[in-house]
Protein backbone atom coordinates (compact mmCIF):
# COMPACT_ATOMS: atom_id res chain seq x y z
CA MET A 1 0.10 -0.04 -0.02
CA LYS A 2 2.81 2.44 0.90
CA PRO A 3 4.37 2.17 -2.61
CA PHE A 4 0.92 2.94 -4.35
CA LEU A 5 0.37 5.90 -2.04
CA ALA A 6 3.92 7.14 -2.74
CA LEU A 7 3.29 6.80 -6.49
CA ILE A 8 -0.08 8.76 -6.11
CA ARG A 9 1.76 11.61 -4.33
CA VAL A 10 4.60 11.72 -6.91
CA ILE A 11 2.26 11.59 -9.82
CA PHE A 12 -0.08 14.51 -8.29
CA ARG A 13 2.95 16.64 -7.40
CA ASN A 14 4.39 16.36 -10.81
CA TYR A 15 1.17 16.96 -12.53
CA TYR A 16 0.27 20.03 -10.87
CA GLY A 17 3.83 21.32 -10.29
CA ILE A 18 3.35 21.64 -6.65
CA SER A 19 7.13 21.49 -5.81
CA ALA A 20 8.04 24.06 -8.30
CA MET A 21 5.19 26.42 -7.20
CA LYS A 22 6.25 26.05 -3.63
CA GLN A 23 9.73 26.91 -4.60
CA LYS A 24 8.83 29.80 -6.92
CA TYR A 25 6.02 31.49 -4.84
CA LEU A 26 6.39 30.46 -1.29
CA VAL A 27 10.37 30.21 -1.00
CA GLU A 28 11.79 32.47 -3.68
CA LYS A 29 8.63 34.59 -3.66
CA LYS A 30 8.88 35.40 -7.36
CA GLU A 31 6.07 36.78 -9.64
CA LEU A 32 3.49 36.70 -6.94
CA TRP A 33 1.26 38.41 -9.24
CA GLN A 34 0.57 35.46 -11.44
CA PRO A 35 -1.27 33.25 -8.85
CA ILE A 36 -3.16 36.33 -7.75
CA LEU A 37 -4.21 37.23 -11.18
CA ALA A 38 -5.17 33.52 -12.01
CA VAL A 39 -7.19 33.23 -8.96
CA ILE A 40 -9.05 36.65 -9.62
CA GLY A 41 -9.76 35.68 -13.32
CA ILE A 42 -10.65 32.05 -12.71
CA GLY A 43 -12.83 33.13 -9.80
CA VAL A 44 -14.70 35.71 -11.73
CA GLY A 45 -15.42 33.26 -14.52
CA ILE A 46 -16.68 30.54 -12.13
CA ALA A 47 -18.80 32.81 -10.25
CA PHE A 48 -20.61 34.00 -13.45
CA ILE A 49 -21.01 30.49 -14.85
CA PHE A 50 -22.23 29.23 -11.34
CA SER A 51 -24.69 31.95 -11.12
CA MET A 52 -26.11 31.10 -14.46
CA ALA A 53 -26.28 27.45 -13.39
CA MET A 54 -28.16 28.22 -10.23
CA LEU A 55 -30.78 30.23 -12.23
CA PHE A 56 -31.12 27.43 -14.63
CA SER A 57 -31.37 24.72 -11.90
CA ASN A 58 -33.97 26.77 -10.01
CA ALA A 59 -36.10 27.03 -13.20
CA LEU A 60 -35.98 23.26 -13.73
CA TYR A 61 -36.79 22.60 -10.10
CA ASN A 62 -39.89 24.79 -10.06
CA ALA A 63 -41.04 23.01 -13.35
CA GLY A 64 -40.51 19.74 -11.72
CA LYS A 65 -42.40 20.73 -8.69
CA MET A 66 -45.38 21.56 -10.61
CA ILE A 67 -45.68 17.97 -11.93
CA ASP A 68 -44.86 16.46 -8.57
CA GLU A 69 -41.24 15.52 -9.67
CA PRO A 70 -38.98 17.98 -8.20
CA GLY A 71 -36.13 15.22 -8.39
CA ILE A 72 -36.05 15.81 -12.12
CA VAL A 73 -33.45 18.59 -11.53
CA LEU A 74 -31.09 15.95 -10.08
CA VAL A 75 -31.84 13.43 -12.51
CA LEU A 76 -30.93 15.91 -15.38
CA GLY A 77 -27.80 17.27 -13.46
CA PHE A 78 -26.33 13.68 -13.04
CA LEU A 79 -27.22 12.84 -16.65
CA VAL A 80 -25.51 16.02 -18.00
CA VAL A 81 -22.43 15.36 -15.83
CA ALA A 82 -22.06 11.72 -16.83
CA PHE A 83 -22.77 12.25 -20.64
CA ILE A 84 -20.43 15.27 -20.81
CA THR A 85 -17.63 13.66 -18.61
CA PHE A 86 -17.75 10.41 -20.72
CA ILE A 87 -17.78 12.26 -24.17
CA PHE A 88 -15.13 14.79 -23.37
CA ASP A 89 -12.73 12.82 -21.18
CA ILE A 90 -12.01 9.83 -23.32
CA GLY A 91 -9.40 11.87 -25.02
CA THR A 92 -8.12 13.24 -21.62
CA THR A 93 -7.96 9.68 -20.42
CA ILE A 94 -5.79 8.53 -23.42
CA SER A 95 -3.53 11.68 -22.94
CA THR A 96 -3.16 11.11 -19.26
CA PHE A 97 -2.58 7.28 -19.44
CA TYR A 98 -0.39 6.81 -22.46
CA PHE A 99 1.23 10.18 -23.27
CA ALA A 100 2.71 11.24 -19.89
CA GLN A 101 6.30 11.70 -20.01
CA ASP A 102 7.24 9.55 -16.96
CA ASN A 103 5.52 6.41 -18.19
CA ALA A 104 8.90 4.97 -19.18
CA ILE A 105 10.35 5.55 -15.80
CA LEU A 106 7.21 4.16 -13.97
CA ALA A 107 7.48 1.15 -16.27
CA ALA A 108 11.11 0.49 -15.11
CA LEU A 109 10.07 0.46 -11.51
CA PRO A 110 8.74 -2.54 -9.42
CA LEU A 111 5.15 -1.41 -9.93
CA LYS A 112 2.28 -3.54 -11.28
CA PRO A 113 0.36 -1.86 -14.25
CA LEU A 114 -2.67 -1.90 -11.94
CA GLN A 115 -1.09 0.46 -9.52
CA VAL A 116 -0.07 2.88 -12.36
CA ILE A 117 -3.40 2.89 -14.01
CA ALA A 118 -5.05 3.22 -10.55
CA ALA A 119 -2.88 6.38 -9.86
CA ARG A 120 -3.53 7.70 -13.28
CA PHE A 121 -7.08 7.28 -12.97
CA SER A 122 -7.16 9.04 -9.43
CA LEU A 123 -5.74 11.97 -11.13
CA VAL A 124 -8.35 12.08 -13.93
CA VAL A 125 -11.04 11.84 -11.34
CA THR A 126 -9.61 14.70 -9.32
CA ASN A 127 -9.34 16.77 -12.46
CA GLN A 128 -13.21 16.52 -12.80
CA TYR A 129 -14.24 17.99 -9.59
CA LEU A 130 -14.09 21.71 -10.59
CA SER A 131 -16.12 21.22 -13.78
CA GLN A 132 -18.60 18.77 -11.98
CA ALA A 133 -18.85 21.35 -9.06
CA ILE A 134 -20.16 24.01 -11.61
CA ILE A 135 -22.62 21.66 -13.11
CA LEU A 136 -23.85 19.55 -10.21
CA LEU A 137 -23.73 21.85 -7.12
CA PRO A 138 -26.44 24.12 -8.27
CA PRO A 139 -29.11 21.26 -8.60
CA LEU A 140 -27.75 19.72 -5.36
CA ILE A 141 -28.26 23.08 -3.49
CA VAL A 142 -31.51 24.04 -5.11
CA PHE A 143 -33.14 20.58 -4.31
CA GLY A 144 -31.67 20.48 -0.90
CA MET A 145 -33.01 23.83 0.06
CA GLY A 146 -36.31 23.34 -1.70
CA GLU A 147 -37.08 20.15 -0.05
CA GLY A 148 -35.74 21.24 3.32
CA MET A 149 -33.28 18.27 3.44
CA GLY A 150 -30.90 17.91 6.49
CA LEU A 151 -27.51 16.79 7.46
CA LEU A 152 -27.76 13.36 6.30
CA TYR A 153 -28.46 14.82 2.77
CA ILE A 154 -25.36 16.86 2.78
CA ILE A 155 -23.21 13.94 3.84
CA LEU A 156 -24.66 11.72 1.17
CA ALA A 157 -24.27 14.51 -1.35
CA ALA A 158 -20.72 14.93 -0.62
CA LEU A 159 -20.12 11.14 -0.91
CA ILE A 160 -21.80 10.91 -4.19
CA PHE A 161 -20.15 13.99 -5.39
CA LEU A 162 -16.68 12.53 -4.79
CA LEU A 163 -17.49 9.17 -6.25
CA PHE A 164 -19.62 10.01 -9.27
CA PRO A 165 -16.87 10.96 -11.72
CA ALA A 166 -15.52 7.43 -11.46
CA LEU A 167 -18.83 6.10 -12.87
CA PRO A 168 -18.50 7.81 -16.59
CA LEU A 169 -14.79 7.87 -16.33
CA ALA A 170 -14.02 3.99 -15.80
CA PRO A 171 -15.93 3.11 -19.05
CA ALA A 172 -14.01 5.94 -20.75
CA ALA A 173 -10.75 4.39 -19.34
CA VAL A 174 -11.90 0.99 -20.58
CA ILE A 175 -12.28 2.04 -24.14
CA SER A 176 -8.98 4.03 -23.95
CA ILE A 177 -7.09 0.84 -22.80
CA LEU A 178 -8.87 -1.36 -25.36
CA LEU A 179 -8.11 1.05 -28.31
CA MET A 180 -4.44 1.69 -27.33
CA SER A 181 -3.87 -2.06 -26.68
CA ARG A 182 -5.29 -2.66 -30.31
CA ALA A 183 -2.98 0.02 -31.83
CA GLY A 184 -0.10 -1.76 -33.37
CA SER A 185 1.68 1.44 -34.36
CA LYS A 186 2.07 5.00 -33.09
CA ARG A 187 0.06 6.34 -36.05
CA LEU A 188 -2.99 4.18 -35.06
CA LYS A 189 -2.65 5.66 -31.57
CA ASP A 190 -2.65 9.05 -32.96
CA ILE A 191 -5.71 8.27 -35.15
CA PHE A 192 -7.63 6.80 -32.16
CA THR A 193 -6.89 9.95 -30.19
CA ILE A 194 -7.96 12.33 -33.02
CA LEU A 195 -11.27 10.28 -33.39
CA THR A 196 -12.31 11.03 -29.79
CA TYR A 197 -11.76 14.73 -30.27
CA VAL A 198 -13.74 14.50 -33.52
CA LEU A 199 -16.64 12.89 -31.39
CA VAL A 200 -16.38 15.74 -29.02
CA ILE A 201 -16.77 18.35 -31.82
CA VAL A 202 -19.96 16.46 -33.11
CA PHE A 203 -21.24 16.63 -29.56
CA VAL A 204 -20.61 20.27 -29.13
CA ILE A 205 -22.26 21.10 -32.44
CA GLY A 206 -25.38 19.04 -31.62
CA ILE A 207 -25.71 20.75 -28.34
CA GLN A 208 -25.52 24.17 -30.04
CA PHE A 209 -28.12 23.09 -32.75
CA PHE A 210 -30.55 22.06 -29.93
CA MET A 211 -29.97 25.31 -28.01
CA GLN A 212 -30.60 27.34 -31.13
CA SER A 213 -33.76 25.35 -31.95
CA LEU A 214 -35.33 26.95 -28.86
CA PRO A 215 -37.22 30.13 -29.28
CA GLU A 216 -34.81 33.12 -29.04
CA GLY A 217 -34.82 34.97 -25.75
CA ASP A 218 -37.22 32.52 -23.95
CA GLU A 219 -34.93 29.52 -23.48
CA LEU A 220 -35.67 28.81 -19.92
CA SER A 221 -39.46 29.09 -20.37
CA SER A 222 -39.18 26.64 -23.27
CA ILE A 223 -37.36 24.29 -21.24
CA GLU A 224 -39.94 24.49 -18.42
CA SER A 225 -42.72 23.87 -20.99
CA ILE A 226 -40.99 20.77 -22.06
CA ILE A 227 -40.67 19.33 -18.56
CA GLN A 228 -44.25 20.13 -17.81
CA THR A 229 -45.49 18.48 -20.81
CA HIS A 230 -43.26 15.64 -20.88
CA GLY A 231 -42.54 14.88 -17.28
CA ALA A 232 -42.92 11.20 -17.65
CA LEU A 233 -40.85 11.07 -20.67
CA LEU A 234 -37.90 12.77 -18.96
CA THR A 235 -38.17 10.25 -16.15
CA GLU A 236 -37.98 7.38 -18.76
CA ILE A 237 -34.90 9.01 -20.03
CA GLY A 238 -33.35 9.16 -16.72
CA GLN A 239 -34.29 5.39 -16.29
CA SER A 240 -32.41 4.69 -19.46
CA PHE A 241 -29.26 5.70 -17.43
CA PRO A 242 -30.29 4.09 -14.03
CA PRO A 243 -27.45 5.42 -11.92
CA ALA A 244 -28.80 8.92 -12.47
CA VAL A 245 -32.20 7.66 -10.78
CA TRP A 246 -30.19 5.64 -8.19
CA VAL A 247 -28.33 8.61 -6.86
CA THR A 248 -31.30 10.94 -7.10
CA LYS A 249 -33.46 8.47 -5.01
CA ALA A 250 -30.51 8.13 -2.49
CA LEU A 251 -30.51 11.61 -1.82
CA ALA A 252 -34.31 12.43 -2.00
CA MET A 253 -35.04 9.36 0.24
CA ALA A 254 -31.94 9.79 2.49
CA GLY A 255 -32.43 7.80 5.60
CA THR A 256 -34.88 5.27 4.40
CA ALA A 257 -34.41 1.70 3.32
CA GLU A 258 -35.15 2.51 -0.37
CA GLY A 259 -32.66 5.27 -0.30
CA LEU A 260 -30.06 3.04 1.20
CA LEU A 261 -30.79 0.28 -1.44
CA ASN A 262 -30.41 2.77 -4.34
CA LEU A 263 -27.07 4.08 -2.99
CA GLY A 264 -25.86 0.34 -2.69
CA PHE A 265 -26.84 -0.04 -6.42
CA PHE A 266 -24.78 3.02 -7.24
CA LEU A 267 -21.64 1.87 -5.26
CA LEU A 268 -21.84 -1.61 -6.58
CA LEU A 269 -21.88 -0.57 -10.17
CA THR A 270 -19.29 1.91 -9.73
CA GLY A 271 -17.00 -0.43 -8.02
CA ALA A 272 -17.65 -3.07 -10.61
CA LEU A 273 -16.69 -0.61 -13.42
CA VAL A 274 -13.53 0.49 -11.77
CA ALA A 275 -12.61 -3.16 -11.04
CA LEU A 276 -13.08 -3.95 -14.69
CA MET A 277 -10.80 -1.05 -15.77
CA LEU A 278 -8.06 -2.22 -13.30
CA TYR A 279 -8.32 -5.81 -14.56
CA LEU A 280 -7.99 -4.77 -18.13
CA GLY A 281 -5.13 -2.13 -17.20
CA GLU A 282 -3.27 -5.03 -15.59
CA LYS A 283 -3.50 -7.10 -18.75
CA HIS A 284 -3.16 -4.64 -21.54
CA PHE A 285 -1.79 -1.23 -20.23
CA TYR A 286 1.84 -1.99 -20.91
CA ARG A 287 1.16 -3.52 -24.32
CA GLY A 288 -0.79 -0.38 -25.34
CA LEU A 289 1.87 1.73 -23.98
CA PHE A 290 4.83 0.37 -25.79
CA SER A 291 3.23 -0.96 -29.00
CA GLY A 292 4.49 0.84 -31.86
CA GLU A 293 7.59 2.16 -30.13
CA GLU A 294 9.84 -0.46 -31.86
CA VAL A 295 11.52 1.08 -35.02
CA ALA A 296 11.80 -1.15 -37.89
CA ARG A 297 14.86 -1.03 -39.99
CA LYS A 298 14.16 0.76 -43.22
CA HIS A 299 16.15 -0.15 -46.43
CA ARG A 300 16.12 2.86 -48.44
CA ILE A 301 18.11 3.03 -51.62
CA ILE A 302 19.05 6.50 -52.94
CA ASN A 303 19.59 6.51 -56.68
CA ASN A 304 20.18 9.95 -57.02
CA ARG A 305 23.58 10.98 -55.55
CA LYS A 306 23.00 14.81 -55.71
CA SER A 307 20.15 14.41 -53.22
CA ILE A 308 22.68 13.16 -50.65
CA TRP A 309 24.17 16.45 -50.75
CA LYS A 310 21.08 18.64 -51.19
CA ALA A 311 20.49 20.84 -48.13
CA SER A 312 17.49 22.93 -47.21
CA SER A 313 17.95 26.40 -45.57
CA PRO A 314 17.92 26.37 -41.65
CA PHE A 315 14.76 28.37 -41.67
CA LYS A 316 12.81 25.72 -43.71
CA ALA A 317 14.32 23.01 -41.55
CA LEU A 318 13.16 24.81 -38.31
CA VAL A 319 9.62 25.41 -39.78
CA LEU A 320 9.36 21.62 -40.68
CA ARG A 321 10.55 20.90 -37.11
CA GLU A 322 7.81 23.00 -35.65
CA HIS A 323 5.25 21.38 -38.19
CA ARG A 324 6.10 17.94 -37.04
CA LEU A 325 5.93 18.83 -33.30
CA PHE A 326 2.44 20.14 -33.96
CA ILE A 327 1.08 17.55 -36.37
CA ARG A 328 2.51 14.40 -34.60
CA THR A 329 0.98 15.31 -31.23
CA PRO A 330 -2.68 14.83 -31.49
CA VAL A 331 -3.45 16.88 -28.31
CA PHE A 332 -1.61 19.81 -29.66
CA LEU A 333 -3.42 19.32 -33.24
CA MET A 334 -6.99 18.80 -31.68
CA ASN A 335 -6.79 21.82 -29.36
CA VAL A 336 -6.13 24.19 -32.27
CA LEU A 337 -7.54 22.97 -35.59
CA PRO A 338 -11.26 22.34 -34.36
CA VAL A 339 -11.60 26.04 -33.91
CA ALA A 340 -11.60 26.45 -37.73
CA ILE A 341 -14.69 24.29 -37.78
CA ILE A 342 -16.46 25.05 -34.61
CA VAL A 343 -16.44 28.99 -34.88
CA PRO A 344 -18.02 29.23 -38.23
CA VAL A 345 -20.57 26.53 -37.45
CA PHE A 346 -21.65 28.28 -34.37
CA ALA A 347 -21.87 31.52 -36.29
CA VAL A 348 -24.01 30.04 -38.96
CA LEU A 349 -26.26 27.83 -36.76
CA PRO A 350 -28.41 30.79 -35.22
CA LEU A 351 -28.88 32.14 -38.64
CA LEU A 352 -30.30 28.81 -39.85
CA ALA A 353 -32.35 28.03 -36.64
CA GLN A 354 -33.97 31.44 -36.62
CA LYS A 355 -34.23 31.50 -40.39
CA ALA A 356 -32.54 34.93 -40.58
CA MET A 357 -30.06 34.18 -43.27
CA PHE A 358 -31.78 36.58 -45.80
CA GLU A 359 -31.84 39.24 -43.06
CA PHE A 360 -28.21 38.94 -42.24
CA ARG A 361 -27.39 39.32 -45.97
CA GLU A 362 -29.18 42.69 -45.91
CA LEU A 363 -26.32 43.88 -43.52
CA GLY A 364 -24.11 44.13 -46.54
CA SER A 365 -25.94 47.45 -47.54
CA TYR A 366 -25.25 48.80 -43.92
CA LEU A 367 -21.54 48.19 -44.63
CA VAL A 368 -21.59 50.39 -47.64
CA LYS A 369 -23.21 53.16 -45.61
CA TYR A 370 -21.23 52.69 -42.47
CA PRO A 371 -17.97 51.03 -43.78
CA TYR A 372 -16.28 51.11 -40.24
CA LEU A 373 -18.73 48.33 -39.34
CA LYS A 374 -16.35 45.96 -41.38
CA LEU A 375 -13.86 45.98 -38.58
CA SER A 376 -16.15 44.12 -36.41
CA ILE A 377 -15.21 41.20 -38.68
CA ILE A 378 -11.49 41.86 -37.87
CA ALA A 379 -12.55 42.03 -34.13
CA PHE A 380 -14.08 38.59 -34.16
CA MET A 381 -11.09 37.03 -36.12
CA THR A 382 -8.64 38.54 -33.53
CA PHE A 383 -10.45 37.29 -30.72
CA VAL A 384 -10.50 33.82 -32.33
CA ALA A 385 -6.78 34.01 -32.69
CA GLY A 386 -6.36 35.10 -29.12
CA THR A 387 -8.14 32.01 -27.94
CA LEU A 388 -5.81 29.70 -29.75
CA PRO A 389 -3.12 28.01 -27.43
CA LEU A 390 -0.43 27.87 -29.98
CA SER A 391 1.49 31.11 -29.45
CA PRO A 392 1.24 31.22 -25.55
CA SER A 393 2.74 27.78 -25.55
CA ALA A 394 5.38 28.18 -28.33
CA PHE A 395 8.24 27.21 -26.12
CA SER A 396 6.25 25.26 -23.47
CA ARG A 397 5.13 22.64 -26.06
CA GLU A 398 8.74 21.26 -26.34
CA GLY A 399 8.69 20.40 -22.59
CA LYS A 400 11.76 18.53 -21.17
CA LEU A 401 13.11 18.31 -24.73
CA PHE A 402 13.65 22.00 -24.68
CA PRO A 403 17.57 21.62 -24.10
CA LEU A 404 17.78 20.07 -27.60
CA SER A 405 16.78 23.47 -28.93
CA GLN A 406 19.64 25.03 -26.84
CA LEU A 407 22.05 22.54 -28.45
CA ILE A 408 21.16 22.34 -32.01
CA PRO A 409 23.25 24.23 -34.52
CA ALA A 410 20.77 27.05 -35.11
CA SER A 411 20.69 30.49 -33.46
CA PRO A 412 17.94 31.15 -31.04
CA ARG A 413 17.05 33.97 -33.15
CA GLU A 414 16.46 31.78 -36.17
CA GLN A 415 14.52 29.25 -34.18
CA VAL A 416 12.15 32.08 -32.73
CA LYS A 417 11.63 33.42 -36.23
CA ALA A 418 10.62 29.91 -37.55
CA LYS A 419 8.17 29.49 -34.58
CA PHE A 420 6.69 32.94 -35.17
CA TRP A 421 5.98 32.54 -38.80
CA TYR A 422 4.64 28.97 -38.52
CA ILE A 423 2.31 29.96 -35.62
CA LEU A 424 1.06 33.05 -37.54
CA ALA A 425 0.34 30.72 -40.57
CA ILE A 426 -1.72 28.39 -38.25
CA ASN A 427 -3.50 31.22 -36.43
CA PHE A 428 -4.57 32.91 -39.70
CA ILE A 429 -5.56 29.64 -41.35
CA CYS A 430 -7.84 28.84 -38.30
CA THR A 431 -9.63 32.25 -38.71
CA LEU A 432 -10.06 31.93 -42.51
CA PRO A 433 -13.14 29.93 -42.56
CA LEU A 434 -14.91 32.45 -40.39
CA PHE A 435 -13.56 35.24 -42.83
CA VAL A 436 -14.76 33.31 -45.90
CA LEU A 437 -18.23 32.78 -44.33
CA CYS A 438 -18.40 36.63 -43.76
CA ILE A 439 -17.33 37.31 -47.36
CA ILE A 440 -20.11 35.09 -48.73
CA LEU A 441 -22.86 36.13 -46.41
CA LEU A 442 -22.08 39.90 -46.47
CA ARG A 443 -21.12 39.80 -50.21
CA LEU A 444 -18.07 41.96 -49.69
CA SER A 445 -16.30 43.33 -52.66
CA LEU A 446 -12.93 42.31 -53.76
CA SER A 447 -11.26 45.52 -52.55
CA ASP A 448 -12.93 45.16 -49.13
CA THR A 449 -11.81 41.51 -49.04
CA LEU A 450 -8.32 42.31 -49.71
CA MET A 451 -8.01 45.26 -47.24
CA LEU A 452 -9.65 43.17 -44.54
CA ALA A 453 -7.39 40.24 -45.19
CA VAL A 454 -4.33 42.45 -44.92
CA LEU A 455 -5.57 43.96 -41.64
CA ALA A 456 -6.53 40.53 -40.21
CA LEU A 457 -3.11 39.20 -41.00
CA VAL A 458 -1.41 42.00 -39.25
CA THR A 459 -3.65 41.69 -36.23
CA ALA A 460 -2.94 37.96 -36.00
CA ALA A 461 0.77 38.84 -36.18
CA THR A 462 0.33 41.06 -33.17
CA VAL A 463 -1.63 38.49 -31.20
CA THR A 464 1.02 35.70 -32.11
CA ALA A 465 3.83 37.94 -30.89
CA LEU A 466 2.13 38.89 -27.75
CA GLY A 467 1.51 35.11 -27.01
CA MET A 468 5.09 34.22 -27.63
CA ILE A 469 6.18 37.04 -25.21
CA ILE A 470 3.89 35.56 -22.52
CA ASP A 471 5.50 32.15 -23.05
CA PHE A 472 8.90 33.81 -23.00
CA ALA A 473 8.01 35.25 -19.54
CA ARG A 474 6.59 32.24 -17.93
CA PRO A 475 7.54 28.99 -19.98
CA TYR A 476 5.94 25.78 -18.61
CA PHE A 477 8.35 22.99 -19.60
CA ASP A 478 7.68 20.54 -16.66
CA TRP A 479 4.50 19.08 -17.87
CA GLU A 480 3.65 15.46 -17.69
CA ASP A 481 1.24 15.04 -20.49
CA PRO A 482 0.86 17.15 -23.57
CA GLN A 483 -2.65 18.30 -22.71
CA ARG A 484 -1.07 20.25 -19.76
CA ALA A 485 1.04 22.19 -22.12
CA VAL A 486 -1.85 23.89 -23.90
CA LYS A 487 -5.19 23.01 -22.24
CA ASN A 488 -4.15 23.71 -18.66
CA ASN A 489 -1.58 26.42 -19.32
CA LEU A 490 -2.27 29.72 -17.68
CA ASN A 491 -0.55 31.54 -20.56
CA VAL A 492 -3.63 30.80 -22.64
CA MET A 493 -5.94 32.71 -20.20
CA PHE A 494 -3.21 35.67 -20.22
CA ILE A 495 -3.22 35.97 -23.84
CA MET A 496 -6.98 35.97 -23.96
CA LEU A 497 -7.06 38.81 -21.45
CA ILE A 498 -4.27 40.71 -23.31
CA THR A 499 -6.08 40.24 -26.68
CA LEU A 500 -9.22 41.55 -25.27
CA LEU A 501 -7.23 44.76 -24.15
CA PHE A 502 -5.58 45.00 -27.48
CA MET A 503 -9.08 44.76 -29.12
CA ALA A 504 -10.50 47.70 -26.87
CA ILE A 505 -7.57 49.74 -27.59
CA THR A 506 -7.91 49.28 -31.43
CA GLY A 507 -11.58 49.57 -31.13
CA GLY A 508 -11.39 52.88 -29.35
CA ILE A 509 -9.20 54.26 -32.09
CA SER A 510 -11.40 52.96 -34.79
CA VAL A 511 -14.47 54.72 -33.14
CA SER A 512 -12.54 58.00 -32.98
CA LEU A 513 -11.44 57.44 -36.53
CA ALA A 514 -15.02 56.76 -37.72
CA LEU A 515 -16.10 60.28 -36.30
CA PHE A 516 -13.34 62.26 -38.07
CA ALA A 517 -11.87 60.42 -41.00
CA PRO A 518 -13.24 58.92 -44.20
CA TRP A 519 -13.12 55.08 -44.38
CA TRP A 520 -9.95 54.89 -46.64
CA LEU A 521 -7.97 57.33 -44.58
CA GLY A 522 -9.11 55.63 -41.29
CA TYR A 523 -8.35 52.28 -42.54
CA SER A 524 -4.93 53.45 -43.52
CA ILE A 525 -4.07 55.06 -40.12
CA LEU A 526 -5.32 51.79 -38.24
CA LEU A 527 -3.23 49.63 -40.59
CA LEU A 528 -0.18 51.51 -39.87
CA PHE A 529 -0.67 51.61 -36.19
CA VAL A 530 -1.21 47.87 -35.94
CA THR A 531 1.57 47.08 -38.33
CA ALA A 532 3.88 49.28 -36.19
CA ILE A 533 2.87 47.36 -33.07
CA SER A 534 3.39 43.95 -34.78
CA VAL A 535 6.60 44.84 -36.34
CA SER A 536 8.08 46.15 -32.85
CA LEU A 537 6.85 43.13 -31.04
CA TYR A 538 8.35 40.96 -33.72
CA LEU A 539 11.80 42.59 -33.50
CA TRP A 540 11.32 42.40 -29.60
CA ILE A 541 10.89 38.69 -29.61
CA LEU A 542 13.88 38.31 -31.88
CA THR A 543 16.00 40.35 -29.54
CA LEU A 544 14.97 38.45 -26.36
CA ALA A 545 15.72 35.15 -28.00
CA GLU A 546 19.41 34.93 -27.43
CA LYS A 547 19.00 36.14 -23.68
CA LYS A 548 16.06 33.81 -22.90
CA TYR A 549 17.48 30.73 -24.60
CA ARG A 550 20.60 30.91 -22.53
CA GLN A 551 18.71 31.74 -19.41
CA TYR A 552 16.19 28.74 -19.38
CA GLU A 553 17.22 25.82 -17.13
CA LEU A 554 15.11 22.64 -16.59
């Protein structure tokens, strides 16, 4: 038992960087503004989302009360948590289980695969508590207060809250283990990982389509009406996933024999699923972990002797290096490129659902009369570029292999230059589908298209340089799985905030120009201003390159 507990402690400390944070913030007391700003930013976001969830839960509870089914708010809450956790975290489970950098070290230690899987699984479960709290605590609070539940309800709610993530995550882990054990090559592993993210994208688009199908501005009333009309149907849906009904009855009937029986059903099923996951992990985890790692000898015959001496430019080689790092890591790829699909779909779905496509096209005539409104397209594209995690993880994505970049025969200046132009290309490509959609719907002229494209490229360059500067200031090399480098990196939040500030400044300038200057003159001034900023930031990151590359130590 002691080795297992020590393993859990080491995995958690490595994953969350506890030792590094203690040394940096408590011992050395460096950059204390970072955790303060992070707590404030995350706290404000959570408070807003939590308040919306409370409002939504209260509406569901009242609707259920009218049909004498107040527990429907709990059933739906547990259903939503289970479904979202299962769908969204298959990819997370694969990343945590199979792409952690310390897997090779753990495999060499006298540890059973079962112990490694159990420790990794406990990490995945722990990571769910924050998102689960936002979704599940409002129904639990609303139901408990509305029904006047007592101390026993609170104790049972806390127990179920702690154990419930294991219920959907155990099947997700089972699927991950079986998929990876059948992957005979690294390429198949990457394909399986990408497919899980594609499933997430389809799910998100489906949810958006459902929400847009509700009457605009009256979503809560529509949902209440559905519940009041189809209360029995929703109960049947809950019964199609019995654990949601079990935990609801365990809470609603706390202290009764039926409540205890339903709690027992939940605990038995959860324990059985976790046991199945551990059994399969013991048998297949290491086979899936190391399959495809063997490199077969390649017999390559070169007929053209000139190709032996043919060399590419250092810049081209460095850009290809960035491309391979990005494209060969599914977690990096699928945290960036789906934006190119999701954003245009989310933009056009409301128009299709509300049958407002024709009215939206009429906005093209307003753009002729008020040409400065075209800059709203640039604002939207700039915001999308600012949400992409590529630039604020430009150096962090290399992780513990960053010392190789300090040793290769290419100057830091050349490496940073290659990173900048590659990331700029990806950021701009991810915003292009949205731009093309605006061109089609608003019927922009060729001159407007070219002008806006140039300005969009320059603003994307500014955001790219700002993101790289943030990663220069606080690189995160000590991550254990690739998802931590992009999805859980606070640099992503910082670049979003700075992008919003940049948009506010340029927006204020644009409004001022609209009051005093014609469109062509205002556009030219704004383009010169943003270009000057982007060029200055670009030259700055090239200047920082030599100093920072020598300074970084892992």
